[in-house]
Amino acid sequence: MFGGHIWELVIVLALALVVFGPKRLPEIGGAMGKGIREFKKGTSDLAELGDSAKTETPVTTTAARPVAAAPAPEAEGSPVPPATSDRNAG
């Protein structure tokens, strides 16, 4: 089953026991199991969504008509001269 890597698994589990302690290991294992279950559920939901998208007929839409631009407001009085900077004044 482990393909000769049982000692590596034993070492990893022993280090986890030393680092986290015997009280925290069940909590960590439960959290990891819950995370894996949620991940599997999410991927299966995504796969079902993809399968349903493949079987549905595509919806055809009509192209939107372009909207005419609003006319520019007419300026009252004289046009405003461009701003000048003080750096050019010498």
N, C-alpha and C. Protein backbone atom coordinates (compact mmCIF):
# COMPACT_ATOMS: atom_id res chain seq x y z
N MET A 1 0.82 -1.20 0.00
CA MET A 1 0.00 0.00 0.00
C MET A 1 0.87 1.26 0.00
N PHE A 2 1.90 1.30 0.84
CA PHE A 2 2.73 2.50 0.93
C PHE A 2 3.97 2.40 0.05
N GLY A 3 4.19 1.27 -0.56
CA GLY A 3 5.30 1.13 -1.50
C GLY A 3 6.66 1.25 -0.85
N GLY A 4 6.84 0.75 0.37
CA GLY A 4 8.14 0.80 1.03
C GLY A 4 8.44 2.12 1.71
N HIS A 5 7.48 3.00 1.80
CA HIS A 5 7.71 4.30 2.43
C HIS A 5 7.06 4.38 3.81
N ILE A 6 6.91 3.24 4.45
CA ILE A 6 6.24 3.22 5.76
C ILE A 6 7.08 3.95 6.81
N TRP A 7 8.41 3.87 6.71
CA TRP A 7 9.25 4.54 7.71
C TRP A 7 9.15 6.05 7.60
N GLU A 8 8.98 6.56 6.39
CA GLU A 8 8.80 8.00 6.22
C GLU A 8 7.50 8.45 6.89
N LEU A 9 6.46 7.66 6.75
CA LEU A 9 5.18 7.97 7.38
C LEU A 9 5.30 7.93 8.90
N VAL A 10 6.02 6.96 9.42
CA VAL A 10 6.21 6.85 10.87
C VAL A 10 6.97 8.06 11.39
N ILE A 11 7.99 8.49 10.68
CA ILE A 11 8.78 9.65 11.11
C ILE A 11 7.93 10.92 11.09
N VAL A 12 7.13 11.11 10.05
CA VAL A 12 6.27 12.30 9.96
C VAL A 12 5.25 12.30 11.09
N LEU A 13 4.65 11.16 11.36
CA LEU A 13 3.67 11.07 12.45
C LEU A 13 4.32 11.30 13.81
N ALA A 14 5.53 10.80 14.01
CA ALA A 14 6.24 11.02 15.28
C ALA A 14 6.58 12.50 15.45
N LEU A 15 7.02 13.16 14.39
CA LEU A 15 7.31 14.59 14.48
C LEU A 15 6.04 15.39 14.76
N ALA A 16 4.94 15.01 14.15
CA ALA A 16 3.68 15.70 14.41
C ALA A 16 3.27 15.53 15.86
N LEU A 17 3.49 14.34 16.42
CA LEU A 17 3.15 14.10 17.82
C LEU A 17 4.01 14.95 18.74
N VAL A 18 5.29 15.09 18.41
CA VAL A 18 6.19 15.89 19.24
C VAL A 18 5.85 17.37 19.13
N VAL A 19 5.58 17.85 17.91
CA VAL A 19 5.34 19.27 17.69
C VAL A 19 3.98 19.71 18.26
N PHE A 20 2.93 18.96 17.96
CA PHE A 20 1.59 19.39 18.33
C PHE A 20 1.10 18.80 19.65
N GLY A 21 1.61 17.67 20.04
CA GLY A 21 1.18 17.05 21.28
C GLY A 21 -0.03 16.15 21.07
N PRO A 22 -0.27 15.26 22.06
CA PRO A 22 -1.35 14.29 21.90
C PRO A 22 -2.75 14.90 22.00
N LYS A 23 -2.89 16.07 22.61
CA LYS A 23 -4.22 16.68 22.75
C LYS A 23 -4.65 17.39 21.47
N ARG A 24 -3.70 17.95 20.73
CA ARG A 24 -4.03 18.73 19.53
C ARG A 24 -4.16 17.88 18.27
N LEU A 25 -3.55 16.70 18.24
CA LEU A 25 -3.58 15.88 17.03
C LEU A 25 -5.00 15.51 16.59
N PRO A 26 -5.90 15.09 17.49
CA PRO A 26 -7.27 14.79 17.01
C PRO A 26 -7.98 16.02 16.44
N GLU A 27 -7.74 17.20 17.03
CA GLU A 27 -8.34 18.43 16.52
C GLU A 27 -7.82 18.74 15.12
N ILE A 28 -6.53 18.60 14.94
CA ILE A 28 -5.92 18.88 13.64
C ILE A 28 -6.40 17.87 12.60
N GLY A 29 -6.49 16.60 12.99
CA GLY A 29 -6.98 15.57 12.06
C GLY A 29 -8.42 15.83 11.65
N GLY A 30 -9.25 16.23 12.62
CA GLY A 30 -10.64 16.53 12.30
C GLY A 30 -10.77 17.73 11.38
N ALA A 31 -9.96 18.75 11.63
CA ALA A 31 -10.00 19.94 10.77
C ALA A 31 -9.53 19.60 9.35
N MET A 32 -8.51 18.77 9.26
CA MET A 32 -8.03 18.37 7.93
C MET A 32 -9.09 17.54 7.19
N GLY A 33 -9.75 16.63 7.90
CA GLY A 33 -10.79 15.82 7.29
C GLY A 33 -11.95 16.68 6.81
N LYS A 34 -12.34 17.66 7.64
CA LYS A 34 -13.43 18.56 7.25
C LYS A 34 -13.04 19.36 6.02
N GLY A 35 -11.81 19.84 5.98
CA GLY A 35 -11.35 20.60 4.82
C GLY A 35 -11.33 19.77 3.55
N ILE A 36 -10.91 18.52 3.66
CA ILE A 36 -10.87 17.64 2.49
C ILE A 36 -12.30 17.35 2.01
N ARG A 37 -13.24 17.12 2.95
CA ARG A 37 -14.63 16.88 2.55
C ARG A 37 -15.22 18.08 1.83
N GLU A 38 -14.96 19.29 2.35
CA GLU A 38 -15.48 20.49 1.72
C GLU A 38 -14.86 20.70 0.33
N PHE A 39 -13.58 20.38 0.20
CA PHE A 39 -12.92 20.50 -1.10
C PHE A 39 -13.53 19.53 -2.11
N LYS A 40 -13.76 18.28 -1.68
CA LYS A 40 -14.37 17.29 -2.57
C LYS A 40 -15.77 17.72 -2.98
N LYS A 41 -16.53 18.25 -2.02
CA LYS A 41 -17.89 18.71 -2.31
C LYS A 41 -17.86 19.86 -3.32
N GLY A 42 -16.94 20.79 -3.11
CA GLY A 42 -16.82 21.92 -4.03
C GLY A 42 -16.44 21.50 -5.43
N THR A 43 -15.51 20.56 -5.54
CA THR A 43 -15.10 20.12 -6.87
C THR A 43 -16.21 19.33 -7.55
N SER A 44 -16.97 18.53 -6.78
CA SER A 44 -18.07 17.79 -7.41
C SER A 44 -19.19 18.75 -7.83
N ASP A 45 -19.45 19.79 -7.02
CA ASP A 45 -20.45 20.78 -7.42
C ASP A 45 -20.02 21.51 -8.69
N LEU A 46 -18.73 21.82 -8.77
CA LEU A 46 -18.21 22.49 -9.96
C LEU A 46 -18.31 21.59 -11.18
N ALA A 47 -18.04 20.30 -11.00
CA ALA A 47 -18.13 19.36 -12.11
C ALA A 47 -19.58 19.23 -12.57
N GLU A 48 -20.52 19.19 -11.61
CA GLU A 48 -21.94 19.11 -11.98
C GLU A 48 -22.37 20.37 -12.73
N LEU A 49 -21.87 21.52 -12.30
CA LEU A 49 -22.20 22.77 -12.97
C LEU A 49 -21.66 22.76 -14.39
N GLY A 50 -20.46 22.25 -14.58
CA GLY A 50 -19.88 22.16 -15.91
C GLY A 50 -20.64 21.19 -16.79
N ASP A 51 -21.09 20.07 -16.22
CA ASP A 51 -21.86 19.10 -16.99
C ASP A 51 -23.20 19.68 -17.40
N SER A 52 -23.84 20.43 -16.50
CA SER A 52 -25.13 21.00 -16.84
C SER A 52 -24.98 22.10 -17.89
N ALA A 53 -23.86 22.80 -17.88
CA ALA A 53 -23.63 23.85 -18.88
C ALA A 53 -23.42 23.24 -20.26
N LYS A 54 -22.85 22.04 -20.30
CA LYS A 54 -22.62 21.39 -21.59
C LYS A 54 -23.93 20.89 -22.20
N THR A 55 -24.88 20.48 -21.37
CA THR A 55 -26.12 19.91 -21.88
C THR A 55 -27.17 20.96 -22.21
N GLU A 56 -27.07 22.16 -21.65
CA GLU A 56 -28.05 23.20 -21.92
C GLU A 56 -27.84 23.77 -23.31
N THR A 57 -28.93 24.22 -23.94
CA THR A 57 -28.81 24.86 -25.23
C THR A 57 -28.34 26.30 -25.03
N PRO A 58 -27.48 26.78 -25.89
CA PRO A 58 -26.99 28.14 -25.73
C PRO A 58 -28.09 29.16 -25.97
N VAL A 59 -28.05 30.22 -25.23
CA VAL A 59 -29.03 31.29 -25.36
C VAL A 59 -28.50 32.28 -26.38
N THR A 60 -29.30 32.58 -27.38
CA THR A 60 -28.89 33.55 -28.38
C THR A 60 -29.41 34.92 -27.98
N THR A 61 -28.57 35.88 -28.07
CA THR A 61 -28.96 37.24 -27.74
C THR A 61 -28.79 38.11 -28.97
N THR A 62 -29.57 39.17 -29.03
CA THR A 62 -29.43 40.10 -30.14
C THR A 62 -28.37 41.13 -29.77
N ALA A 63 -27.72 41.63 -30.77
CA ALA A 63 -26.68 42.62 -30.53
C ALA A 63 -27.31 43.92 -30.04
N ALA A 64 -26.66 44.55 -29.12
CA ALA A 64 -27.17 45.82 -28.59
C ALA A 64 -26.96 46.92 -29.61
N ARG A 65 -27.95 47.80 -29.69
CA ARG A 65 -27.82 48.94 -30.61
C ARG A 65 -26.94 49.99 -29.96
N PRO A 66 -26.07 50.63 -30.75
CA PRO A 66 -25.24 51.68 -30.17
C PRO A 66 -26.09 52.88 -29.77
N VAL A 67 -25.66 53.50 -28.70
CA VAL A 67 -26.38 54.67 -28.19
C VAL A 67 -25.72 55.91 -28.76
N ALA A 68 -26.54 56.85 -29.22
CA ALA A 68 -26.01 58.09 -29.77
C ALA A 68 -25.39 58.92 -28.66
N ALA A 69 -24.29 59.57 -28.97
CA ALA A 69 -23.62 60.40 -27.99
C ALA A 69 -24.43 61.65 -27.72
N ALA A 70 -24.39 62.09 -26.48
CA ALA A 70 -25.11 63.31 -26.11
C ALA A 70 -24.40 64.51 -26.72
N PRO A 71 -25.14 65.51 -27.13
CA PRO A 71 -24.49 66.70 -27.71
C PRO A 71 -23.68 67.44 -26.65
N ALA A 72 -22.57 68.00 -27.08
CA ALA A 72 -21.70 68.73 -26.16
C ALA A 72 -22.39 70.02 -25.74
N PRO A 73 -22.28 70.40 -24.48
CA PRO A 73 -22.91 71.65 -24.04
C PRO A 73 -22.20 72.85 -24.68
N GLU A 74 -22.99 73.83 -25.05
CA GLU A 74 -22.41 75.02 -25.66
C GLU A 74 -21.87 75.93 -24.56
N ALA A 75 -20.70 76.48 -24.82
CA ALA A 75 -20.06 77.34 -23.84
C ALA A 75 -20.71 78.73 -23.89
N GLU A 76 -20.92 79.28 -22.73
CA GLU A 76 -21.47 80.64 -22.67
C GLU A 76 -20.31 81.62 -22.57
N GLY A 77 -20.35 82.67 -23.29
CA GLY A 77 -19.30 83.69 -23.22
C GLY A 77 -18.07 83.26 -23.98
N SER A 78 -16.92 83.76 -23.55
CA SER A 78 -15.67 83.47 -24.25
C SER A 78 -15.08 82.17 -23.71
N PRO A 79 -14.29 81.50 -24.55
CA PRO A 79 -13.66 80.26 -24.09
C PRO A 79 -12.62 80.56 -23.02
N VAL A 80 -12.38 79.58 -22.16
CA VAL A 80 -11.42 79.73 -21.07
C VAL A 80 -10.02 79.49 -21.62
N PRO A 81 -9.09 80.42 -21.36
CA PRO A 81 -7.71 80.21 -21.86
C PRO A 81 -7.06 79.07 -21.10
N PRO A 82 -6.08 78.42 -21.74
CA PRO A 82 -5.39 77.31 -21.05
C PRO A 82 -4.61 77.82 -19.86
N ALA A 83 -4.48 76.98 -18.85
CA ALA A 83 -3.77 77.36 -17.64
C ALA A 83 -2.26 77.46 -17.93
N THR A 84 -1.60 78.40 -17.27
CA THR A 84 -0.17 78.57 -17.44
C THR A 84 0.48 78.20 -16.11
N SER A 85 1.72 77.75 -16.22
CA SER A 85 2.43 77.39 -14.99
C SER A 85 3.45 78.50 -14.67
N ASP A 86 3.86 78.55 -13.41
CA ASP A 86 4.80 79.54 -12.96
C ASP A 86 6.24 79.18 -13.36
N ARG A 87 6.47 77.95 -13.74
CA ARG A 87 7.81 77.55 -14.12
C ARG A 87 8.26 78.22 -15.40
N ASN A 88 7.33 78.52 -16.29
CA ASN A 88 7.69 79.14 -17.56
C ASN A 88 7.95 80.64 -17.40
N ALA A 89 7.45 81.22 -16.34
CA ALA A 89 7.68 82.65 -16.12
C ALA A 89 9.09 82.83 -15.63
N GLY A 90 9.84 83.66 -16.29
CA GLY A 90 11.21 83.68 -15.98
C GLY A 90 11.85 84.81 -15.46
